[in-house]
Amino acid sequence: MKVIQVGIGGMGETWLRAVQRSAAVDYAGFVEIDEDIARAQAEAYQLDRALIFKSLPAALEELEADAVINVTPPQFHREICVAALEAGTPVLTEKPLADTLEEARAIAAAAERTNLLCSVAQNYRYRPLTQTIKAVLESGELGALGAVQAEFYRGPHFGGFREEMAHPLILDMSIHHFDLMRLFIDSDAAAISARSWNPPWSWFSGDASAAVQIEFGNGVQATYAGSWCSQAFETSWNANWRFECERGALLVDDDRIFVQRLLRVDEGARGLASVHEEARELPLIAMEREGQDYLLHEFCQAVTNGGTTVTTAQDNVKTMEFVFGAMEACDSGGLINL
């Protein structure tokens, strides 16, 4: 499969490496508007400068490509995705799907209208940690899921567009964790209340800290607390998690998974008492491909065989509704029903 990658700096480097690792995907060409980035990346990754264009329409006119990989900032996602789809070319796009809910829905509508695949790079779904958690919850070993808690604290200094967002934590990072909640809970957010704030030491323009309460359509309750300007005791990028279940609990701490089951309830001197098994750490599921490598392989298989992927634009709109619902709840201070 031959692809055109739009955006080769920043996160684009991750995709350059992923494509170069792939035995099934190769480049037809590239789009990069920044001449300095184009020059530097052509040298670093041995790219043919003649194949680097200033716009996607120009690249599509000159090149024969099976798909487009969109690694532009979110405010350009609609323009790039819709242009590719209307030119008859499937798209694999970075998250978030767009920088507004209206534009995310427009991309999903274009994918539906053209009957072409637009897949969203929710790479956190395709990690051994994530797949192990999902497998335990689906096994029924712990019974019904009742509540989920997630905590995320880090302090990255990215520079660029992220530091200008109104809600950088929620839109650019918590989107991963919210998407994982949808995966783990197997339902969509139905009602959200939230607060956000920006600590006085923050280097972000918008609110880099938040606390969110979510009710899902199947009745599961979830809480999320996080900061993107934390100064110490950082969590994993995957976040720390607690899953409260009918017959026990699952904990995720620093990318390690622990399970403890309820064995029985005995009559004791002070009344009923719960008896638990010893907590045990679980080995992570082995995966042949992870993250972007998984997404690229899944996308290639779908395009080549006429199939689809799990994280299509049409499905990912539900994650975007979750994200923008949380931001609206932060701004309004009220309960947002989705």
Protein backbone atom coordinates (compact mmCIF):
# COMPACT_ATOMS: atom_id res chain seq x y z
CA MET A 1 0.00 0.00 0.00
CA LYS A 2 1.34 3.43 -1.00
CA VAL A 3 0.54 6.38 1.25
CA ILE A 4 0.91 10.16 1.30
CA GLN A 5 1.78 11.50 4.75
CA VAL A 6 0.61 15.03 5.47
CA GLY A 7 2.83 16.55 8.15
CA ILE A 8 6.29 15.07 8.74
CA GLY A 9 7.50 17.10 11.73
CA GLY A 10 6.59 16.61 15.40
CA MET A 11 4.23 13.64 15.72
CA GLY A 12 4.88 13.03 12.03
CA GLU A 13 8.22 11.50 13.01
CA THR A 14 6.40 8.70 14.85
CA TRP A 15 4.55 7.83 11.65
CA LEU A 16 7.67 8.11 9.51
CA ARG A 17 9.28 5.48 11.71
CA ALA A 18 6.15 3.30 11.72
CA VAL A 19 5.86 3.29 7.93
CA GLN A 20 9.56 2.60 7.51
CA ARG A 21 9.21 -0.39 9.87
CA SER A 22 6.27 -1.78 7.90
CA ALA A 23 6.76 -4.50 5.30
CA ALA A 24 3.36 -3.76 3.73
CA VAL A 25 3.27 0.05 3.57
CA ASP A 26 5.51 2.41 1.61
CA TYR A 27 5.46 6.09 0.75
CA ALA A 28 4.10 7.57 -2.44
CA GLY A 29 5.00 11.04 -1.15
CA PHE A 30 4.63 13.67 1.54
CA VAL A 31 3.09 17.05 2.28
CA GLU A 32 4.93 19.57 4.46
CA ILE A 33 4.40 23.33 4.38
CA ASP A 34 7.43 24.18 6.54
CA GLU A 35 10.54 24.23 4.36
CA ASP A 36 12.92 23.81 7.31
CA ILE A 37 11.06 20.72 8.53
CA ALA A 38 10.95 19.29 5.02
CA ARG A 39 14.69 19.77 4.59
CA ALA A 40 15.58 18.33 8.01
CA GLN A 41 13.30 15.30 7.75
CA ALA A 42 14.37 14.52 4.19
CA GLU A 43 17.95 14.32 5.45
CA ALA A 44 17.13 12.42 8.65
CA TYR A 45 14.88 9.81 7.00
CA GLN A 46 16.40 9.71 3.49
CA LEU A 47 13.25 11.06 1.83
CA ASP A 48 13.16 12.10 -1.80
CA ARG A 49 12.75 15.90 -1.76
CA ALA A 50 10.98 15.71 -5.13
CA LEU A 51 8.16 13.82 -3.40
CA ILE A 52 7.53 16.48 -0.73
CA PHE A 53 4.65 18.78 -1.75
CA LYS A 54 3.24 21.98 -0.27
CA SER A 55 -0.41 20.87 -0.37
CA LEU A 56 -2.42 17.67 -0.43
CA PRO A 57 -4.29 18.52 -3.67
CA ALA A 58 -0.93 19.01 -5.39
CA ALA A 59 0.35 15.69 -4.07
CA LEU A 60 -2.82 13.83 -5.05
CA GLU A 61 -2.66 15.29 -8.56
CA GLU A 62 0.92 14.15 -9.13
CA LEU A 63 1.10 10.89 -7.19
CA GLU A 64 -0.69 7.55 -7.21
CA ALA A 65 -1.56 6.74 -3.60
CA ASP A 66 -3.81 4.21 -1.90
CA ALA A 67 -4.30 6.22 1.30
CA VAL A 68 -3.43 9.36 3.25
CA ILE A 69 -1.95 9.60 6.75
CA ASN A 70 -2.98 12.92 8.32
CA VAL A 71 -0.58 14.19 11.00
CA THR A 72 -1.48 17.89 10.91
CA PRO A 73 -2.59 19.94 13.96
CA PRO A 74 -6.28 19.35 14.87
CA GLN A 75 -7.56 22.59 13.33
CA PHE A 76 -6.55 21.29 9.88
CA HIS A 77 -7.99 17.78 10.21
CA ARG A 78 -11.31 18.52 8.52
CA GLU A 79 -9.66 20.19 5.53
CA ILE A 80 -7.20 17.34 4.98
CA CYS A 81 -9.54 14.43 5.74
CA VAL A 82 -12.41 15.72 3.61
CA ALA A 83 -10.10 16.59 0.70
CA ALA A 84 -8.64 13.09 0.75
CA LEU A 85 -12.01 11.36 1.04
CA GLU A 86 -13.56 13.44 -1.75
CA ALA A 87 -10.57 12.52 -3.92
CA GLY A 88 -11.44 8.87 -3.34
CA THR A 89 -8.61 8.17 -0.87
CA PRO A 90 -9.04 6.50 2.57
CA VAL A 91 -7.51 8.32 5.55
CA LEU A 92 -5.74 7.39 8.75
CA THR A 93 -5.81 10.54 10.89
CA GLU A 94 -4.21 11.50 14.17
CA LYS A 95 -6.39 12.23 17.18
CA PRO A 96 -8.29 14.29 18.09
CA LEU A 97 -10.50 13.75 15.07
CA ALA A 98 -10.95 17.56 14.90
CA ASP A 99 -10.67 20.62 17.11
CA THR A 100 -14.44 21.13 17.31
CA LEU A 101 -17.31 18.69 17.58
CA GLU A 102 -18.96 20.22 14.50
CA GLU A 103 -15.87 19.53 12.40
CA ALA A 104 -15.50 16.00 13.81
CA ARG A 105 -19.07 15.27 12.75
CA ALA A 106 -18.34 16.77 9.31
CA ILE A 107 -15.43 14.37 8.83
CA ALA A 108 -17.57 11.41 9.90
CA ALA A 109 -20.31 12.56 7.51
CA ALA A 110 -17.78 12.79 4.65
CA ALA A 111 -16.60 9.24 5.36
CA GLU A 112 -20.21 8.08 5.34
CA ARG A 113 -21.04 10.02 2.18
CA THR A 114 -18.04 8.76 0.23
CA ASN A 115 -18.27 5.24 1.67
CA LEU A 116 -14.53 5.39 2.38
CA LEU A 117 -12.58 4.53 5.50
CA CYS A 118 -11.48 7.32 7.81
CA SER A 119 -9.70 5.71 10.76
CA VAL A 120 -8.62 7.58 13.90
CA ALA A 121 -5.29 6.86 15.60
CA GLN A 122 -6.44 6.03 19.12
CA ASN A 123 -3.16 4.23 19.73
CA TYR A 124 -3.63 3.77 23.49
CA ARG A 125 -6.16 1.04 22.76
CA TYR A 126 -3.44 -1.10 21.24
CA ARG A 127 -1.01 -1.59 24.07
CA PRO A 128 -0.43 -4.80 26.10
CA LEU A 129 -1.64 -3.05 29.26
CA THR A 130 -4.93 -1.99 27.65
CA GLN A 131 -5.58 -5.34 26.02
CA THR A 132 -4.89 -7.19 29.29
CA ILE A 133 -7.32 -5.00 31.24
CA LYS A 134 -10.00 -5.50 28.59
CA ALA A 135 -9.46 -9.27 28.57
CA VAL A 136 -9.85 -9.54 32.37
CA LEU A 137 -13.02 -7.44 32.39
CA GLU A 138 -14.50 -9.46 29.52
CA SER A 139 -13.61 -12.81 31.11
CA GLY A 140 -16.29 -12.42 33.78
CA GLU A 141 -13.80 -13.42 36.49
CA LEU A 142 -14.63 -10.30 38.52
CA GLY A 143 -18.33 -10.16 37.68
CA ALA A 144 -20.20 -7.04 36.64
CA LEU A 145 -18.35 -3.73 36.46
CA GLY A 146 -19.83 -1.01 38.67
CA ALA A 147 -17.38 1.88 38.84
CA VAL A 148 -14.13 3.09 37.31
CA GLN A 149 -11.57 5.57 38.61
CA ALA A 150 -8.65 6.97 36.59
CA GLU A 151 -5.86 9.33 37.64
CA PHE A 152 -3.32 10.99 35.36
CA TYR A 153 -0.58 13.42 36.41
CA ARG A 154 2.30 14.57 34.21
CA GLY A 155 4.07 17.81 33.31
CA PRO A 156 5.22 17.76 29.67
CA HIS A 157 6.63 20.85 27.94
CA PHE A 158 5.59 20.42 24.33
CA GLY A 159 5.42 24.01 23.14
CA GLY A 160 3.35 24.73 20.04
CA PHE A 161 -0.41 24.53 19.61
CA ARG A 162 -1.06 22.39 22.70
CA GLU A 163 0.01 25.19 25.02
CA GLU A 164 -2.53 27.53 23.42
CA MET A 165 -5.59 25.26 23.74
CA ALA A 166 -8.44 26.28 26.07
CA HIS A 167 -8.52 22.76 27.56
CA PRO A 168 -5.17 21.17 26.67
CA LEU A 169 -5.41 18.30 29.17
CA ILE A 170 -8.88 17.17 28.12
CA LEU A 171 -8.68 17.70 24.35
CA ASP A 172 -5.17 16.47 23.68
CA MET A 173 -4.49 13.93 26.46
CA SER A 174 -7.59 12.91 28.40
CA ILE A 175 -9.16 12.02 25.06
CA HIS A 176 -7.01 8.87 25.22
CA HIS A 177 -8.28 7.94 28.67
CA PHE A 178 -11.89 8.81 27.81
CA ASP A 179 -11.62 6.62 24.71
CA LEU A 180 -10.24 3.82 26.91
CA MET A 181 -13.20 4.24 29.27
CA ARG A 182 -15.52 3.62 26.32
CA LEU A 183 -13.51 0.50 25.49
CA PHE A 184 -13.35 -0.85 29.05
CA ILE A 185 -16.94 -0.04 30.02
CA ASP A 186 -18.38 -1.02 26.63
CA SER A 187 -20.75 1.92 26.68
CA ASP A 188 -20.85 5.62 25.87
CA ALA A 189 -20.89 8.60 28.21
CA ALA A 190 -24.45 9.72 29.01
CA ALA A 191 -24.02 12.51 31.58
CA ILE A 192 -20.97 14.53 32.65
CA SER A 193 -20.14 17.03 35.38
CA ALA A 194 -16.67 18.55 35.62
CA ARG A 195 -14.40 21.31 36.89
CA SER A 196 -11.16 22.52 35.35
CA TRP A 197 -8.51 24.99 36.45
CA ASN A 198 -5.01 26.20 35.68
CA PRO A 199 -2.49 26.23 38.56
CA PRO A 200 -0.52 29.47 38.95
CA TRP A 201 2.73 27.78 37.83
CA SER A 202 1.20 26.36 34.64
CA TRP A 203 2.93 27.01 31.30
CA PHE A 204 -0.35 26.34 29.45
CA SER A 205 -2.68 29.17 28.43
CA GLY A 206 -5.80 27.07 29.06
CA ASP A 207 -6.89 24.85 31.93
CA ALA A 208 -4.34 22.08 32.39
CA SER A 209 -6.04 20.35 35.35
CA ALA A 210 -9.51 18.80 35.65
CA ALA A 211 -11.80 16.57 37.69
CA VAL A 212 -14.62 14.81 35.81
CA GLN A 213 -17.57 12.65 36.87
CA ILE A 214 -19.21 10.52 34.19
CA GLU A 215 -22.30 8.33 34.07
CA PHE A 216 -22.29 5.83 31.22
CA GLY A 217 -25.31 4.60 29.32
CA ASN A 218 -25.15 1.18 30.99
CA GLY A 219 -25.14 2.72 34.48
CA VAL A 220 -21.42 2.40 35.23
CA GLN A 221 -20.04 5.42 37.11
CA ALA A 222 -16.58 6.82 36.39
CA THR A 223 -14.35 9.50 37.86
CA TYR A 224 -11.31 11.08 36.26
CA ALA A 225 -8.76 13.41 37.84
CA GLY A 226 -5.68 14.73 36.15
CA SER A 227 -3.17 17.44 35.43
CA TRP A 228 -0.79 18.20 32.59
CA CYS A 229 1.33 20.56 34.69
CA SER A 230 2.07 18.27 37.63
CA GLN A 231 5.47 18.93 39.18
CA ALA A 232 6.16 15.58 40.86
CA PHE A 233 5.04 11.94 41.36
CA GLU A 234 4.10 11.53 37.72
CA THR A 235 1.87 8.67 36.65
CA SER A 236 2.33 6.54 33.56
CA TRP A 237 0.99 8.03 30.33
CA ASN A 238 -1.57 5.22 30.46
CA ALA A 239 -2.88 6.61 33.80
CA ASN A 240 -3.55 4.69 37.00
CA TRP A 241 -6.89 2.89 37.18
CA ARG A 242 -9.24 1.17 39.63
CA PHE A 243 -12.13 -1.03 38.47
CA GLU A 244 -14.73 -1.88 41.14
CA CYS A 245 -16.48 -5.10 40.22
CA GLU A 246 -19.11 -7.45 41.63
CA ARG A 247 -16.61 -10.06 42.78
CA GLY A 248 -13.40 -8.11 43.29
CA ALA A 249 -11.31 -5.27 41.93
CA LEU A 250 -8.63 -4.62 39.32
CA LEU A 251 -5.92 -2.02 39.96
CA VAL A 252 -3.47 -0.51 37.49
CA ASP A 253 -0.51 1.21 39.12
CA ASP A 254 2.49 2.42 37.12
CA ASP A 255 1.62 0.07 34.23
CA ARG A 256 1.34 -2.98 36.51
CA ILE A 257 -2.00 -4.81 36.83
CA PHE A 258 -3.21 -6.34 40.09
CA VAL A 259 -6.37 -8.34 40.73
CA GLN A 260 -7.99 -9.34 44.02
CA ARG A 261 -11.13 -11.46 44.11
CA LEU A 262 -13.81 -11.70 46.75
CA LEU A 263 -13.96 -15.36 47.80
CA ARG A 264 -16.91 -15.35 50.17
CA VAL A 265 -18.67 -13.48 52.97
CA ASP A 266 -18.39 -15.21 56.39
CA GLU A 267 -20.22 -14.72 59.65
CA GLY A 268 -17.75 -13.31 62.16
CA ALA A 269 -17.73 -12.07 65.73
CA ARG A 270 -18.59 -8.57 64.55
CA GLY A 271 -21.02 -9.59 61.83
CA LEU A 272 -20.43 -10.36 58.19
CA ALA A 273 -16.86 -10.13 56.92
CA SER A 274 -15.49 -10.34 53.38
CA VAL A 275 -12.79 -12.89 52.67
CA HIS A 276 -10.45 -12.12 49.76
CA GLU A 277 -7.80 -14.01 47.88
CA GLU A 278 -4.26 -12.70 47.96
CA ALA A 279 -3.78 -9.89 45.47
CA ARG A 280 -1.90 -11.09 42.40
CA GLU A 281 -0.08 -9.30 39.62
CA LEU A 282 -1.06 -10.28 36.10
CA PRO A 283 1.35 -10.74 33.19
CA LEU A 284 0.63 -8.53 30.20
CA ILE A 285 -0.71 -10.00 26.98
CA ALA A 286 1.98 -10.25 24.30
CA MET A 287 1.21 -8.35 21.12
CA GLU A 288 2.90 -8.77 17.75
CA ARG A 289 2.27 -5.08 17.03
CA GLU A 290 1.49 -2.17 19.34
CA GLY A 291 0.37 1.45 19.07
CA GLN A 292 1.01 3.06 15.70
CA ASP A 293 2.39 -0.19 14.27
CA TYR A 294 -0.89 -1.93 15.11
CA LEU A 295 -2.98 0.93 13.74
CA LEU A 296 -0.99 1.09 10.50
CA HIS A 297 -1.25 -2.68 9.99
CA GLU A 298 -5.00 -2.69 10.75
CA PHE A 299 -5.55 0.25 8.39
CA CYS A 300 -3.50 -1.38 5.63
CA GLN A 301 -5.44 -4.64 5.95
CA ALA A 302 -8.74 -2.76 5.82
CA VAL A 303 -7.80 -0.70 2.76
CA THR A 304 -6.27 -3.66 0.94
CA ASN A 305 -9.11 -6.09 1.67
CA GLY A 306 -12.03 -3.66 1.59
CA GLY A 307 -12.72 -3.94 5.32
CA THR A 308 -12.84 -1.48 8.18
CA THR A 309 -11.12 -0.66 11.47
CA VAL A 310 -12.41 -0.41 15.03
CA THR A 311 -11.77 3.31 15.50
CA THR A 312 -13.54 4.74 12.47
CA ALA A 313 -14.46 8.43 12.37
CA GLN A 314 -18.12 7.42 12.76
CA ASP A 315 -17.36 5.57 16.00
CA ASN A 316 -14.81 8.11 17.23
CA VAL A 317 -17.44 10.84 17.17
CA LYS A 318 -18.70 9.23 20.39
CA THR A 319 -15.30 9.84 21.99
CA MET A 320 -15.39 13.41 20.71
CA GLU A 321 -18.85 13.95 22.19
CA PHE A 322 -17.43 12.70 25.49
CA VAL A 323 -14.46 15.09 25.27
CA PHE A 324 -16.45 18.15 24.25
CA GLY A 325 -19.15 17.29 26.80
CA ALA A 326 -16.47 17.35 29.51
CA MET A 327 -15.17 20.72 28.29
CA GLU A 328 -18.70 22.13 28.19
CA ALA A 329 -19.30 20.87 31.73
CA CYS A 330 -16.09 22.59 32.86
CA ASP A 331 -17.13 25.87 31.24
CA SER A 332 -20.76 25.83 32.39
CA GLY A 333 -20.38 24.28 35.83
CA GLY A 334 -23.51 22.24 35.15
CA LEU A 335 -24.49 18.68 34.29
CA ILE A 336 -24.20 17.93 30.58
CA ASN A 337 -26.45 15.21 29.16
CA LEU A 338 -25.20 13.68 25.94
